[in-house]
Amino acid sequence: MTLEILTPDRKLFSGEVFGVQMPGISGSFEVLDRHAPLVSALKAGRLKVLRDKQNHTASYDIQGGFVEVLNNKVTVLVEGAIIIE
């Protein structure tokens, strides 16, 4: 699936991934390949990106925002984010 992480200033990430774990306002959740359509608010916390089958990950500390999942594309819109390797 395709993931884009966007802030008001720039695009932080764009590419193919295997999964994304996010801090939803009602609790953390994960989106995997072919997930059903979804729109959700996000709270400040850790967003974790599973980049490949070898469990290589990238993590971001995000401020609040929103996520949209549609047609195997995940778009994350956040107020700000810092990459944590």
N, C-alpha and C. Protein backbone atom coordinates (compact mmCIF):
# COMPACT_ATOMS: atom_id res chain seq x y z
N MET A 1 0.84 -1.17 0.00
CA MET A 1 0.00 0.00 0.00
C MET A 1 0.89 1.24 0.00
N THR A 2 0.32 2.36 -0.38
CA THR A 2 1.05 3.62 -0.46
C THR A 2 0.77 4.45 0.77
N LEU A 3 1.83 5.07 1.31
CA LEU A 3 1.69 5.93 2.48
C LEU A 3 2.27 7.30 2.18
N GLU A 4 1.54 8.34 2.57
CA GLU A 4 2.04 9.71 2.54
C GLU A 4 1.85 10.31 3.93
N ILE A 5 2.90 10.92 4.46
CA ILE A 5 2.83 11.65 5.72
C ILE A 5 3.11 13.11 5.40
N LEU A 6 2.12 13.96 5.66
CA LEU A 6 2.20 15.37 5.29
C LEU A 6 2.04 16.28 6.50
N THR A 7 2.82 17.36 6.52
CA THR A 7 2.64 18.44 7.50
C THR A 7 2.27 19.68 6.71
N PRO A 8 1.88 20.76 7.37
CA PRO A 8 1.58 21.99 6.62
C PRO A 8 2.79 22.52 5.83
N ASP A 9 4.00 22.17 6.27
CA ASP A 9 5.21 22.69 5.64
C ASP A 9 5.79 21.81 4.55
N ARG A 10 5.64 20.48 4.71
CA ARG A 10 6.34 19.60 3.77
C ARG A 10 5.80 18.18 3.79
N LYS A 11 6.26 17.38 2.83
CA LYS A 11 5.95 15.95 2.77
C LYS A 11 7.09 15.22 3.48
N LEU A 12 6.77 14.51 4.56
CA LEU A 12 7.79 13.80 5.33
C LEU A 12 8.11 12.43 4.75
N PHE A 13 7.11 11.78 4.18
CA PHE A 13 7.32 10.43 3.65
C PHE A 13 6.32 10.17 2.54
N SER A 14 6.78 9.47 1.51
CA SER A 14 5.91 9.01 0.44
C SER A 14 6.51 7.74 -0.13
N GLY A 15 5.75 6.64 -0.09
CA GLY A 15 6.27 5.41 -0.64
C GLY A 15 5.42 4.21 -0.29
N GLU A 16 5.88 3.05 -0.74
CA GLU A 16 5.19 1.79 -0.49
C GLU A 16 5.59 1.24 0.87
N VAL A 17 4.60 0.77 1.64
CA VAL A 17 4.85 0.22 2.96
C VAL A 17 3.98 -1.03 3.16
N PHE A 18 4.27 -1.78 4.23
CA PHE A 18 3.49 -2.97 4.55
C PHE A 18 2.46 -2.73 5.64
N GLY A 19 2.67 -1.68 6.45
CA GLY A 19 1.72 -1.38 7.51
C GLY A 19 2.07 -0.10 8.23
N VAL A 20 1.09 0.44 8.96
CA VAL A 20 1.28 1.68 9.72
C VAL A 20 0.53 1.55 11.04
N GLN A 21 1.22 1.83 12.15
CA GLN A 21 0.59 1.87 13.46
C GLN A 21 0.46 3.34 13.86
N MET A 22 -0.74 3.74 14.33
CA MET A 22 -1.01 5.14 14.62
C MET A 22 -1.69 5.32 15.97
N PRO A 23 -1.48 6.49 16.59
CA PRO A 23 -2.15 6.79 17.87
C PRO A 23 -3.50 7.46 17.65
N GLY A 24 -4.55 6.67 17.56
CA GLY A 24 -5.89 7.23 17.40
C GLY A 24 -6.36 7.86 18.70
N ILE A 25 -7.36 8.71 18.62
CA ILE A 25 -7.83 9.39 19.83
C ILE A 25 -8.52 8.43 20.79
N SER A 26 -8.98 7.27 20.31
CA SER A 26 -9.60 6.27 21.18
C SER A 26 -8.66 5.10 21.45
N GLY A 27 -7.42 5.19 20.99
CA GLY A 27 -6.44 4.13 21.17
C GLY A 27 -5.66 3.87 19.90
N SER A 28 -4.55 3.19 20.04
CA SER A 28 -3.70 2.90 18.89
C SER A 28 -4.37 1.88 17.97
N PHE A 29 -4.07 1.98 16.68
CA PHE A 29 -4.59 1.02 15.71
C PHE A 29 -3.59 0.87 14.58
N GLU A 30 -3.76 -0.19 13.80
CA GLU A 30 -2.85 -0.49 12.70
C GLU A 30 -3.63 -0.63 11.40
N VAL A 31 -3.04 -0.16 10.33
CA VAL A 31 -3.61 -0.28 8.99
C VAL A 31 -2.67 -1.16 8.17
N LEU A 32 -3.22 -2.20 7.57
CA LEU A 32 -2.45 -3.12 6.74
C LEU A 32 -2.97 -3.06 5.31
N ASP A 33 -2.32 -3.80 4.42
CA ASP A 33 -2.68 -3.84 3.01
C ASP A 33 -4.17 -4.15 2.82
N ARG A 34 -4.81 -3.43 1.93
CA ARG A 34 -6.22 -3.61 1.56
C ARG A 34 -7.19 -3.36 2.72
N HIS A 35 -6.83 -2.44 3.60
CA HIS A 35 -7.70 -2.07 4.72
C HIS A 35 -8.97 -1.42 4.19
N ALA A 36 -10.05 -1.57 4.91
CA ALA A 36 -11.32 -0.92 4.54
C ALA A 36 -11.16 0.60 4.61
N PRO A 37 -11.96 1.35 3.86
CA PRO A 37 -11.89 2.82 3.92
C PRO A 37 -12.10 3.30 5.35
N LEU A 38 -11.37 4.37 5.70
CA LEU A 38 -11.36 4.84 7.08
C LEU A 38 -10.94 6.30 7.12
N VAL A 39 -11.56 7.06 8.00
CA VAL A 39 -11.09 8.40 8.35
C VAL A 39 -11.08 8.46 9.87
N SER A 40 -9.96 8.91 10.45
CA SER A 40 -9.85 8.94 11.91
C SER A 40 -9.00 10.12 12.36
N ALA A 41 -9.32 10.64 13.54
CA ALA A 41 -8.50 11.66 14.17
C ALA A 41 -7.34 10.98 14.89
N LEU A 42 -6.20 11.66 14.92
CA LEU A 42 -5.02 11.15 15.61
C LEU A 42 -4.64 12.08 16.74
N LYS A 43 -4.14 11.51 17.83
CA LYS A 43 -3.62 12.32 18.93
C LYS A 43 -2.10 12.32 18.86
N ALA A 44 -1.48 13.16 19.65
CA ALA A 44 -0.02 13.20 19.70
C ALA A 44 0.50 11.85 20.17
N GLY A 45 1.58 11.38 19.57
CA GLY A 45 2.15 10.09 19.94
C GLY A 45 3.10 9.58 18.87
N ARG A 46 3.32 8.27 18.90
CA ARG A 46 4.28 7.62 17.99
C ARG A 46 3.56 6.97 16.83
N LEU A 47 3.97 7.31 15.61
CA LEU A 47 3.49 6.67 14.39
C LEU A 47 4.62 5.77 13.90
N LYS A 48 4.32 4.49 13.69
CA LYS A 48 5.33 3.51 13.31
C LYS A 48 5.01 2.96 11.93
N VAL A 49 5.99 3.02 11.04
CA VAL A 49 5.83 2.57 9.65
C VAL A 49 6.62 1.27 9.45
N LEU A 50 5.92 0.20 9.06
CA LEU A 50 6.58 -1.05 8.70
C LEU A 50 6.92 -0.96 7.22
N ARG A 51 8.22 -0.84 6.93
CA ARG A 51 8.64 -0.53 5.56
C ARG A 51 8.74 -1.75 4.65
N ASP A 52 9.08 -2.94 5.21
CA ASP A 52 9.25 -4.12 4.36
C ASP A 52 9.03 -5.40 5.16
N LYS A 53 9.16 -6.55 4.49
CA LYS A 53 8.92 -7.85 5.13
C LYS A 53 9.99 -8.21 6.16
N GLN A 54 11.13 -7.55 6.12
CA GLN A 54 12.22 -7.82 7.06
C GLN A 54 12.06 -7.02 8.35
N ASN A 55 10.89 -6.45 8.58
CA ASN A 55 10.57 -5.68 9.79
C ASN A 55 11.40 -4.42 9.96
N HIS A 56 11.89 -3.84 8.87
CA HIS A 56 12.54 -2.53 8.95
C HIS A 56 11.45 -1.49 9.18
N THR A 57 11.66 -0.65 10.18
CA THR A 57 10.64 0.33 10.54
C THR A 57 11.22 1.74 10.56
N ALA A 58 10.32 2.69 10.50
CA ALA A 58 10.64 4.10 10.73
C ALA A 58 9.58 4.61 11.68
N SER A 59 9.97 5.45 12.62
CA SER A 59 9.02 5.97 13.59
C SER A 59 9.04 7.49 13.57
N TYR A 60 7.87 8.06 13.83
CA TYR A 60 7.72 9.52 13.88
C TYR A 60 6.97 9.87 15.17
N ASP A 61 7.44 10.87 15.89
CA ASP A 61 6.66 11.44 16.98
C ASP A 61 5.81 12.53 16.35
N ILE A 62 4.49 12.34 16.39
CA ILE A 62 3.59 13.27 15.70
C ILE A 62 2.78 14.09 16.70
N GLN A 63 2.37 15.25 16.23
CA GLN A 63 1.36 16.03 16.92
C GLN A 63 0.02 15.57 16.36
N GLY A 64 -1.08 16.06 16.88
CA GLY A 64 -2.39 15.62 16.42
C GLY A 64 -2.60 15.81 14.93
N GLY A 65 -3.57 15.09 14.39
CA GLY A 65 -3.87 15.19 12.97
C GLY A 65 -4.99 14.25 12.57
N PHE A 66 -4.96 13.84 11.32
CA PHE A 66 -5.99 12.96 10.76
C PHE A 66 -5.35 11.96 9.82
N VAL A 67 -6.05 10.83 9.61
CA VAL A 67 -5.63 9.84 8.65
C VAL A 67 -6.83 9.47 7.77
N GLU A 68 -6.55 9.25 6.49
CA GLU A 68 -7.56 8.76 5.56
C GLU A 68 -6.99 7.52 4.88
N VAL A 69 -7.79 6.47 4.83
CA VAL A 69 -7.43 5.24 4.12
C VAL A 69 -8.46 5.04 3.02
N LEU A 70 -8.01 5.00 1.78
CA LEU A 70 -8.92 4.84 0.65
C LEU A 70 -8.17 4.23 -0.52
N ASN A 71 -8.72 3.17 -1.08
CA ASN A 71 -8.15 2.51 -2.26
C ASN A 71 -6.68 2.13 -2.07
N ASN A 72 -6.37 1.54 -0.91
CA ASN A 72 -5.03 1.07 -0.57
C ASN A 72 -4.00 2.19 -0.51
N LYS A 73 -4.46 3.40 -0.23
CA LYS A 73 -3.57 4.55 -0.02
C LYS A 73 -3.89 5.15 1.35
N VAL A 74 -2.85 5.37 2.16
CA VAL A 74 -2.99 5.95 3.49
C VAL A 74 -2.38 7.35 3.45
N THR A 75 -3.18 8.34 3.78
CA THR A 75 -2.72 9.72 3.83
C THR A 75 -2.83 10.20 5.27
N VAL A 76 -1.69 10.59 5.84
CA VAL A 76 -1.64 11.07 7.22
C VAL A 76 -1.33 12.56 7.18
N LEU A 77 -2.22 13.37 7.74
CA LEU A 77 -2.05 14.81 7.81
C LEU A 77 -1.83 15.17 9.28
N VAL A 78 -0.66 15.72 9.62
CA VAL A 78 -0.34 16.04 11.01
C VAL A 78 0.16 17.47 11.13
N GLU A 79 -0.03 18.03 12.33
CA GLU A 79 0.42 19.40 12.61
C GLU A 79 1.94 19.49 12.56
N GLY A 80 2.61 18.46 12.99
CA GLY A 80 4.07 18.43 13.00
C GLY A 80 4.54 17.04 13.33
N ALA A 81 5.81 16.74 12.98
CA ALA A 81 6.36 15.42 13.25
C ALA A 81 7.88 15.48 13.28
N ILE A 82 8.46 14.59 14.08
CA ILE A 82 9.91 14.44 14.17
C ILE A 82 10.22 12.97 13.89
N ILE A 83 11.14 12.72 12.97
CA ILE A 83 11.49 11.32 12.68
C ILE A 83 12.40 10.77 13.79
N ILE A 84 12.08 9.54 14.20
CA ILE A 84 12.86 8.80 15.19
C ILE A 84 13.36 7.54 14.50
N GLU A 85 14.64 7.40 14.30
CA GLU A 85 15.18 6.23 13.58
C GLU A 85 15.30 5.02 14.46
